[in-house]
Amino acid sequence: MEVLIKIVNDIIWSPVLIVLLLVAGVYFTLRTRCVQVQKLHCGLPAIVYFCLRLKGLASSHLATRLSDNKRIIWAVAFL
């Protein structure tokens, strides 16, 4: 049993794992029609704003561009 576990462990923790992860990433990217790229414009301003806010560099101009819902969602996400 230990020999079988060692063989499976050696296969999983090898370059095969990297290939499987890359194939899965490409598959799901194509399957969802690149949703992570399509929706980047929705979340990126909020991420930048709250990262700047944490550093104390955020401007009020950017805060007015974000809706109240997005501010609440991202504020909770960064807690």
C-alpha atoms as a PDB file:
ATOM      1  CA  MET A   1       0.000   0.000   0.000  1.00  0.00           C
ATOM      2  CA  GLU A   2       2.812   2.420   0.846  1.00  0.00           C
ATOM      3  CA  VAL A   3       4.475   1.675  -2.486  1.00  0.00           C
ATOM      4  CA  LEU A   4       1.249   2.505  -4.328  1.00  0.00           C
ATOM      5  CA  ILE A   5       0.896   5.771  -2.402  1.00  0.00           C
ATOM      6  CA  LYS A   6       4.508   6.676  -3.217  1.00  0.00           C
ATOM      7  CA  ILE A   7       3.982   5.977  -6.930  1.00  0.00           C
ATOM      8  CA  VAL A   8       0.796   8.073  -7.047  1.00  0.00           C
ATOM      9  CA  ASN A   9       2.494  10.835  -5.040  1.00  0.00           C
ATOM     10  CA  ASP A  10       5.468  10.895  -7.421  1.00  0.00           C
ATOM     11  CA  ILE A  11       3.138  11.162 -10.427  1.00  0.00           C
ATOM     12  CA  ILE A  12       0.963  13.891  -8.920  1.00  0.00           C
ATOM     13  CA  TRP A  13       3.810  16.082  -7.645  1.00  0.00           C
ATOM     14  CA  SER A  14       5.662  16.142 -10.951  1.00  0.00           C
ATOM     15  CA  PRO A  15       5.535  18.279 -14.078  1.00  0.00           C
ATOM     16  CA  VAL A  16       2.344  16.384 -14.907  1.00  0.00           C
ATOM     17  CA  LEU A  17       0.587  18.463 -12.245  1.00  0.00           C
ATOM     18  CA  ILE A  18       1.664  21.705 -13.901  1.00  0.00           C
ATOM     19  CA  VAL A  19       0.448  20.478 -17.284  1.00  0.00           C
ATOM     20  CA  LEU A  20      -2.891  19.372 -15.821  1.00  0.00           C
ATOM     21  CA  LEU A  21      -3.392  22.725 -14.103  1.00  0.00           C
ATOM     22  CA  LEU A  22      -2.578  24.644 -17.283  1.00  0.00           C
ATOM     23  CA  VAL A  23      -4.899  22.470 -19.365  1.00  0.00           C
ATOM     24  CA  ALA A  24      -7.693  22.904 -16.817  1.00  0.00           C
ATOM     25  CA  GLY A  25      -7.143  26.680 -16.772  1.00  0.00           C
ATOM     26  CA  VAL A  26      -7.290  26.940 -20.564  1.00  0.00           C
ATOM     27  CA  TYR A  27     -10.313  24.646 -20.701  1.00  0.00           C
ATOM     28  CA  PHE A  28     -12.322  26.651 -18.165  1.00  0.00           C
ATOM     29  CA  THR A  29     -11.232  29.940 -19.735  1.00  0.00           C
ATOM     30  CA  LEU A  30     -12.528  28.830 -23.116  1.00  0.00           C
ATOM     31  CA  ARG A  31     -15.601  27.176 -21.650  1.00  0.00           C
ATOM     32  CA  THR A  32     -16.654  30.378 -19.836  1.00  0.00           C
ATOM     33  CA  ARG A  33     -15.713  32.517 -22.867  1.00  0.00           C
ATOM     34  CA  CYS A  34     -12.940  34.379 -21.003  1.00  0.00           C
ATOM     35  CA  VAL A  35     -15.267  35.693 -18.305  1.00  0.00           C
ATOM     36  CA  GLN A  36     -12.305  36.729 -16.126  1.00  0.00           C
ATOM     37  CA  VAL A  37     -11.167  39.110 -18.866  1.00  0.00           C
ATOM     38  CA  GLN A  38     -14.655  40.280 -19.847  1.00  0.00           C
ATOM     39  CA  LYS A  39     -15.576  41.320 -16.305  1.00  0.00           C
ATOM     40  CA  LEU A  40     -12.238  42.878 -15.396  1.00  0.00           C
ATOM     41  CA  HIS A  41     -13.616  46.378 -15.950  1.00  0.00           C
ATOM     42  CA  CYS A  42     -16.252  45.754 -13.257  1.00  0.00           C
ATOM     43  CA  GLY A  43     -13.943  44.966 -10.390  1.00  0.00           C
ATOM     44  CA  LEU A  44     -10.646  46.630 -11.222  1.00  0.00           C
ATOM     45  CA  PRO A  45     -11.608  50.204 -10.224  1.00  0.00           C
ATOM     46  CA  ALA A  46     -12.905  48.973  -6.879  1.00  0.00           C
ATOM     47  CA  ILE A  47      -9.756  46.930  -6.232  1.00  0.00           C
ATOM     48  CA  VAL A  48      -7.513  49.872  -7.068  1.00  0.00           C
ATOM     49  CA  TYR A  49      -9.579  52.254  -4.948  1.00  0.00           C
ATOM     50  CA  PHE A  50      -9.529  50.085  -1.842  1.00  0.00           C
ATOM     51  CA  CYS A  51      -5.831  49.268  -2.204  1.00  0.00           C
ATOM     52  CA  LEU A  52      -5.125  52.988  -2.412  1.00  0.00           C
ATOM     53  CA  ARG A  53      -7.497  53.633   0.473  1.00  0.00           C
ATOM     54  CA  LEU A  54      -5.617  51.187   2.632  1.00  0.00           C
ATOM     55  CA  LYS A  55      -2.440  53.133   1.881  1.00  0.00           C
ATOM     56  CA  GLY A  56      -4.197  56.456   2.479  1.00  0.00           C
ATOM     57  CA  LEU A  57      -3.789  57.640  -1.121  1.00  0.00           C
ATOM     58  CA  ALA A  58      -7.371  57.334  -2.406  1.00  0.00           C
ATOM     59  CA  SER A  59      -9.035  60.360  -3.938  1.00  0.00           C
ATOM     60  CA  SER A  60     -12.675  61.254  -3.501  1.00  0.00           C
ATOM     61  CA  HIS A  61     -13.057  61.487  -7.302  1.00  0.00           C
ATOM     62  CA  LEU A  62     -12.594  57.732  -7.667  1.00  0.00           C
ATOM     63  CA  ALA A  63     -14.937  57.070  -4.770  1.00  0.00           C
ATOM     64  CA  THR A  64     -17.765  58.935  -6.500  1.00  0.00           C
ATOM     65  CA  ARG A  65     -17.372  56.716  -9.570  1.00  0.00           C
ATOM     66  CA  LEU A  66     -18.099  53.577  -7.560  1.00  0.00           C
ATOM     67  CA  SER A  67     -21.675  52.760  -6.761  1.00  0.00           C
ATOM     68  CA  ASP A  68     -22.678  52.292  -3.140  1.00  0.00           C
ATOM     69  CA  ASN A  69     -23.172  48.569  -3.679  1.00  0.00           C
ATOM     70  CA  LYS A  70     -19.672  48.067  -5.063  1.00  0.00           C
ATOM     71  CA  ARG A  71     -18.154  50.042  -2.202  1.00  0.00           C
ATOM     72  CA  ILE A  72     -19.978  47.929   0.354  1.00  0.00           C
ATOM     73  CA  ILE A  73     -19.066  44.642  -1.355  1.00  0.00           C
ATOM     74  CA  TRP A  74     -15.389  45.516  -1.666  1.00  0.00           C
ATOM     75  CA  ALA A  75     -15.225  46.966   1.833  1.00  0.00           C
ATOM     76  CA  VAL A  76     -16.551  43.696   3.242  1.00  0.00           C
ATOM     77  CA  ALA A  77     -14.132  41.713   1.047  1.00  0.00           C
ATOM     78  CA  PHE A  78     -11.144  43.622   2.436  1.00  0.00           C
ATOM     79  CA  LEU A  79     -12.151  43.235   6.108  1.00  0.00           C
END
